[in-house]
C-alpha atoms as a PDB file:
ATOM      1  CA  MET A   1       0.000   0.000   0.000  1.00  0.00           C
ATOM      2  CA  SER A   2       1.309   3.441  -0.852  1.00  0.00           C
ATOM      3  CA  GLY A   3       2.500   5.951   1.726  1.00  0.00           C
ATOM      4  CA  PRO A   4      -0.110   8.579   0.808  1.00  0.00           C
ATOM      5  CA  THR A   5      -2.865   5.977   1.236  1.00  0.00           C
ATOM      6  CA  LEU A   6      -1.568   5.074   4.706  1.00  0.00           C
ATOM      7  CA  MET A   7      -1.415   8.775   5.595  1.00  0.00           C
ATOM      8  CA  ALA A   8      -5.011   9.266   4.436  1.00  0.00           C
ATOM      9  CA  LEU A   9      -6.155   6.309   6.566  1.00  0.00           C
ATOM     10  CA  ALA A  10      -4.382   7.686   9.630  1.00  0.00           C
ATOM     11  CA  ASP A  11      -5.777  11.194   9.084  1.00  0.00           C
ATOM     12  CA  PHE A  12      -9.309   9.845   8.702  1.00  0.00           C
ATOM     13  CA  ALA A  13      -8.966   7.680  11.836  1.00  0.00           C
ATOM     14  CA  MET A  14      -7.842  10.703  13.872  1.00  0.00           C
ATOM     15  CA  TYR A  15     -10.685  12.810  12.475  1.00  0.00           C
ATOM     16  CA  VAL A  16     -13.223  10.184  13.568  1.00  0.00           C
ATOM     17  CA  VAL A  17     -11.702   9.955  17.068  1.00  0.00           C
ATOM     18  CA  LEU A  18     -11.657  13.747  17.373  1.00  0.00           C
ATOM     19  CA  LEU A  19     -15.273  14.177  16.274  1.00  0.00           C
ATOM     20  CA  SER A  20     -16.339  11.411  18.653  1.00  0.00           C
ATOM     21  CA  ALA A  21     -14.832  13.502  21.468  1.00  0.00           C
ATOM     22  CA  ILE A  22     -15.997  17.011  20.479  1.00  0.00           C
ATOM     23  CA  GLY A  23     -19.166  16.304  18.513  1.00  0.00           C
ATOM     24  CA  PRO A  24     -20.036  17.321  14.953  1.00  0.00           C
ATOM     25  CA  ILE A  25     -18.079  20.578  14.821  1.00  0.00           C
ATOM     26  CA  GLY A  26     -17.316  21.608  11.250  1.00  0.00           C
ATOM     27  CA  LEU A  27     -13.968  22.947  10.093  1.00  0.00           C
ATOM     28  CA  ALA A  28     -11.767  20.983  12.498  1.00  0.00           C
ATOM     29  CA  VAL A  29      -8.658  20.650  10.343  1.00  0.00           C
ATOM     30  CA  THR A  30      -5.329  18.869  10.413  1.00  0.00           C
ATOM     31  CA  THR A  31      -2.513  21.286  11.219  1.00  0.00           C
ATOM     32  CA  ASN A  32       0.288  18.733  11.436  1.00  0.00           C
ATOM     33  CA  LEU A  33       0.736  15.066  10.548  1.00  0.00           C
ATOM     34  CA  ASN A  34       3.971  13.137  11.005  1.00  0.00           C
ATOM     35  CA  ILE A  35       4.306   9.520   9.875  1.00  0.00           C
ATOM     36  CA  ASN A  36       7.097   7.040  10.502  1.00  0.00           C
ATOM     37  CA  PHE A  37       7.031   4.024   8.201  1.00  0.00           C
ATOM     38  CA  LEU A  38       8.354   1.099  10.234  1.00  0.00           C
ATOM     39  CA  ARG A  39       7.971  -2.009   8.040  1.00  0.00           C
ATOM     40  CA  LYS A  40       6.098  -3.391   5.060  1.00  0.00           C
ATOM     41  CA  GLY A  41       2.580  -4.679   5.537  1.00  0.00           C
ATOM     42  CA  GLN A  42       1.680  -8.305   4.988  1.00  0.00           C
ATOM     43  CA  PRO A  43       0.629  -8.874   1.351  1.00  0.00           C
ATOM     44  CA  GLY A  44      -3.107  -9.441   0.915  1.00  0.00           C
ATOM     45  CA  GLN A  45      -3.936  -8.419   4.488  1.00  0.00           C
ATOM     46  CA  ASP A  46      -6.124  -5.557   5.695  1.00  0.00           C
ATOM     47  CA  VAL A  47      -4.538  -2.488   7.262  1.00  0.00           C
ATOM     48  CA  LEU A  48      -6.137  -1.406  10.535  1.00  0.00           C
ATOM     49  CA  ALA A  49      -5.824   1.991  12.217  1.00  0.00           C
ATOM     50  CA  GLU A  50      -5.717   2.177  16.006  1.00  0.00           C
ATOM     51  CA  ALA A  51      -6.192   5.843  16.977  1.00  0.00           C
ATOM     52  CA  ARG A  52      -6.321   7.670  20.300  1.00  0.00           C
ATOM     53  CA  LEU A  53      -6.267  11.240  21.546  1.00  0.00           C
ATOM     54  CA  LEU A  54      -3.272  12.217  23.653  1.00  0.00           C
ATOM     55  CA  LYS A  55      -4.490  15.714  24.555  1.00  0.00           C
ATOM     56  CA  LEU A  56      -7.737  17.510  23.899  1.00  0.00           C
ATOM     57  CA  GLY A  57      -7.673  21.250  24.477  1.00  0.00           C
ATOM     58  CA  LYS A  58     -10.015  24.092  23.568  1.00  0.00           C
ATOM     59  CA  ARG A  59      -8.206  24.964  20.325  1.00  0.00           C
ATOM     60  CA  LEU A  60      -5.895  22.000  19.589  1.00  0.00           C
ATOM     61  CA  ALA A  61      -6.083  18.228  19.801  1.00  0.00           C
ATOM     62  CA  VAL A  62      -3.070  15.919  19.594  1.00  0.00           C
ATOM     63  CA  GLY A  63      -3.324  12.229  18.847  1.00  0.00           C
ATOM     64  CA  GLU A  64      -1.499   9.175  17.616  1.00  0.00           C
ATOM     65  CA  VAL A  65      -2.331   6.329  15.265  1.00  0.00           C
ATOM     66  CA  ASN A  66      -0.728   2.909  14.947  1.00  0.00           C
ATOM     67  CA  LEU A  67      -1.273   1.248  11.582  1.00  0.00           C
ATOM     68  CA  LEU A  68      -1.341  -2.543  11.775  1.00  0.00           C
ATOM     69  CA  SER A  69      -1.279  -5.176   9.045  1.00  0.00           C
ATOM     70  CA  GLY A  70      -2.890  -8.584   9.356  1.00  0.00           C
ATOM     71  CA  THR A  71      -2.609 -10.280  12.745  1.00  0.00           C
ATOM     72  CA  SER A  72       0.854  -8.917  13.588  1.00  0.00           C
ATOM     73  CA  PRO A  73       0.952  -6.827  16.790  1.00  0.00           C
ATOM     74  CA  ASP A  74       3.873  -4.815  15.383  1.00  0.00           C
ATOM     75  CA  PRO A  75       2.806  -1.576  13.674  1.00  0.00           C
ATOM     76  CA  ILE A  76       3.753  -0.899  10.070  1.00  0.00           C
ATOM     77  CA  ALA A  77       3.585   2.867  10.696  1.00  0.00           C
ATOM     78  CA  HIS A  78       3.298   5.265  13.629  1.00  0.00           C
ATOM     79  CA  VAL A  79       1.556   8.611  13.151  1.00  0.00           C
ATOM     80  CA  THR A  80       1.213  11.702  15.319  1.00  0.00           C
ATOM     81  CA  SER A  81      -1.125  14.486  14.332  1.00  0.00           C
ATOM     82  CA  THR A  82      -2.482  17.792  15.550  1.00  0.00           C
ATOM     83  CA  TYR A  83      -5.913  19.208  14.746  1.00  0.00           C
ATOM     84  CA  SER A  84      -7.109  22.782  15.055  1.00  0.00           C
ATOM     85  CA  ILE A  85     -10.558  23.108  16.613  1.00  0.00           C
ATOM     86  CA  PRO A  86     -12.548  26.235  15.670  1.00  0.00           C
ATOM     87  CA  ASN A  87     -14.394  28.425  18.169  1.00  0.00           C
ATOM     88  CA  VAL A  88     -17.990  27.375  18.513  1.00  0.00           C
END
């Protein structure tokens, strides 16, 4: 799977986790996304995103995502990201 596809999956996973915490607030946007590719995924296996918020503030949220392939517990990529939350 391509790097941009893995980045899109991680960004979407963080967006879902963020909106589950703050509700349906429009215009919450990614301000930073850093990805470390650790190893190749297993051929023919699904890629799963395990996302969690590290800090949720009034204006910024910081989280991390581990991307996993198949049944291996070792991540294929580690992602940190920051989202900007607009005033309501």
